[in-house]
Protein backbone atom coordinates (compact mmCIF):
# COMPACT_ATOMS: atom_id res chain seq x y z
CA MET A 1 -4.30 -4.86 -18.72
CA ALA A 2 -2.91 -5.41 -15.07
CA LEU A 3 0.06 -3.14 -15.78
CA LEU A 4 -1.95 -0.62 -17.57
CA LEU A 5 -4.33 -0.46 -13.88
CA GLN A 6 -1.32 -0.26 -11.95
CA ILE A 7 -0.25 2.93 -13.73
CA LEU A 8 -3.63 4.36 -13.71
CA VAL A 9 -3.88 3.62 -9.85
CA TYR A 10 -0.42 5.38 -9.24
CA LEU A 11 -1.38 8.45 -11.55
CA VAL A 12 -4.73 8.88 -9.35
CA ILE A 13 -2.53 8.37 -6.02
CA TYR A 14 -0.22 11.35 -7.65
CA PHE A 15 -3.20 13.59 -8.70
CA LEU A 16 -4.76 12.94 -5.09
CA ARG A 17 -1.64 14.16 -3.38
CA THR A 18 -0.77 17.08 -5.62
CA THR A 19 -4.34 18.41 -5.52
CA LYS A 20 -4.09 18.21 -1.26
CA ALA A 21 -7.03 15.85 -1.32
CA PHE A 22 -5.37 13.87 1.12
CA PRO A 23 -5.04 15.35 4.97
CA LYS A 24 -1.92 15.93 6.53
CA VAL A 25 -0.39 16.87 9.83
CA THR A 26 2.04 19.56 9.20
CA ASP A 27 2.72 20.38 13.06
CA PRO A 28 2.42 17.59 15.11
CA PRO A 29 2.27 17.73 18.99
CA VAL A 30 5.65 16.91 20.68
CA SER A 31 6.38 15.39 23.96
CA MET A 32 7.31 17.17 26.74
CA SER A 33 7.66 17.07 30.46
CA ALA A 34 6.43 19.25 32.94
CA LEU A 35 6.53 20.07 36.91
CA LEU A 36 3.16 19.09 39.11
CA ASP A 37 0.70 21.40 39.17
CA THR A 38 1.93 23.53 35.97
CA TRP A 39 -0.35 23.81 32.57
CA VAL A 40 1.19 22.10 29.62
CA SER A 41 -0.06 23.01 25.87
CA PHE A 42 0.17 21.00 22.63
CA HIS A 43 -0.52 22.44 19.50
CA CYS A 44 -1.59 20.70 16.33
CA GLU A 45 -1.79 22.24 12.58
CA GLY A 46 -2.73 20.05 9.38
CA GLU A 47 -4.48 20.03 5.89
CA GLY A 48 -7.65 19.21 5.97
CA ASP A 49 -11.58 19.82 7.22
CA THR A 50 -11.54 18.64 11.04
CA LEU A 51 -8.83 18.37 13.64
CA VAL A 52 -9.51 15.79 16.70
CA TRP A 53 -7.61 15.41 19.59
CA GLN A 54 -6.84 11.93 20.81
CA THR A 55 -5.40 10.40 23.90
CA SER A 56 -4.55 6.97 24.56
CA GLU A 57 -8.13 6.55 26.19
CA GLY A 58 -9.42 7.83 22.65
CA PRO A 59 -10.90 10.79 21.44
CA VAL A 60 -11.06 13.58 23.90
CA THR A 61 -14.68 14.09 24.81
CA ASP A 62 -16.18 16.11 27.60
CA GLU A 63 -15.90 13.46 30.26
CA ILE A 64 -11.82 13.33 29.52
CA LYS A 65 -11.62 16.93 29.62
CA GLU A 66 -13.18 17.24 32.94
CA SER A 67 -11.43 13.85 34.38
CA ARG A 68 -7.86 15.07 33.00
CA ASN A 69 -8.19 18.73 33.43
CA ILE A 70 -8.08 19.33 29.72
CA SER A 71 -9.15 22.52 27.77
CA ILE A 72 -9.12 22.57 23.85
CA TYR A 73 -8.97 26.04 21.96
CA PRO A 74 -9.43 26.12 18.51
CA GLY A 75 -7.18 28.12 16.12
CA ILE A 76 -8.13 30.61 13.53
CA THR A 77 -8.53 28.45 10.37
CA THR A 78 -8.40 29.03 6.89
CA PRO A 79 -9.78 27.04 3.84
CA GLY A 80 -7.98 23.66 3.84
CA ILE A 81 -5.88 24.51 6.95
CA VAL A 82 -6.99 23.52 10.53
CA ASN A 83 -5.25 23.89 14.05
CA SER A 84 -5.91 23.81 17.48
CA THR A 85 -4.28 24.02 20.94
CA LEU A 86 -4.67 21.61 23.78
CA VAL A 87 -4.03 22.59 27.41
CA ILE A 88 -3.93 19.96 30.11
CA LEU A 89 -2.58 19.95 33.87
CA ALA A 90 0.28 18.04 34.67
CA LYS A 91 -0.68 15.98 37.75
CA TYR A 92 -0.16 12.24 38.92
CA GLU A 93 -2.92 11.04 37.17
CA ASN A 94 -1.89 12.58 33.56
CA ASP A 95 1.48 10.77 34.18
CA GLY A 96 2.07 8.88 30.93
CA LEU A 97 -1.02 10.16 28.85
CA ILE A 98 -0.53 9.99 25.13
CA ILE A 99 -1.64 12.66 23.46
CA GLY A 100 -2.07 13.25 19.64
CA CYS A 101 -3.98 14.94 17.13
CA ILE A 102 -6.21 13.44 13.85
CA ILE A 103 -6.57 15.52 10.68
CA ILE A 104 -9.53 14.45 8.68
CA GLY A 105 -10.23 15.40 5.27
CA SER A 106 -12.74 14.98 3.00
CA SER A 107 -11.53 11.28 1.97
CA MET A 108 -9.07 10.11 4.27
CA ILE A 109 -7.30 10.37 7.86
CA ASP A 110 -3.75 11.49 8.72
CA SER A 111 -2.70 11.30 12.23
CA ALA A 112 0.26 12.37 14.92
CA GLY A 113 1.25 11.70 18.35
């Protein structure tokens, strides 16, 4: 009985992955260095329903955008594909800030960065 249940679980996981029910970051943001007072762009794209930018302080909120000089530009999305660009000013206060993105799908989450 346990073997049958294990096989069934593997089949369900295989079906979900092949039908793209799981969200996936396909183009994660990459680490970069910049000169002070220059603007830096980070791009993220993935398969899912929603893209959320994240920093080491948590999700990018309006408060974080204002204090860190961050702007977010949504990309052109097609069904099942989301993308966005985050632009940040290189300044001392932002040195060492971790930036990543999270893709949320109908049932799961994938993150990068």
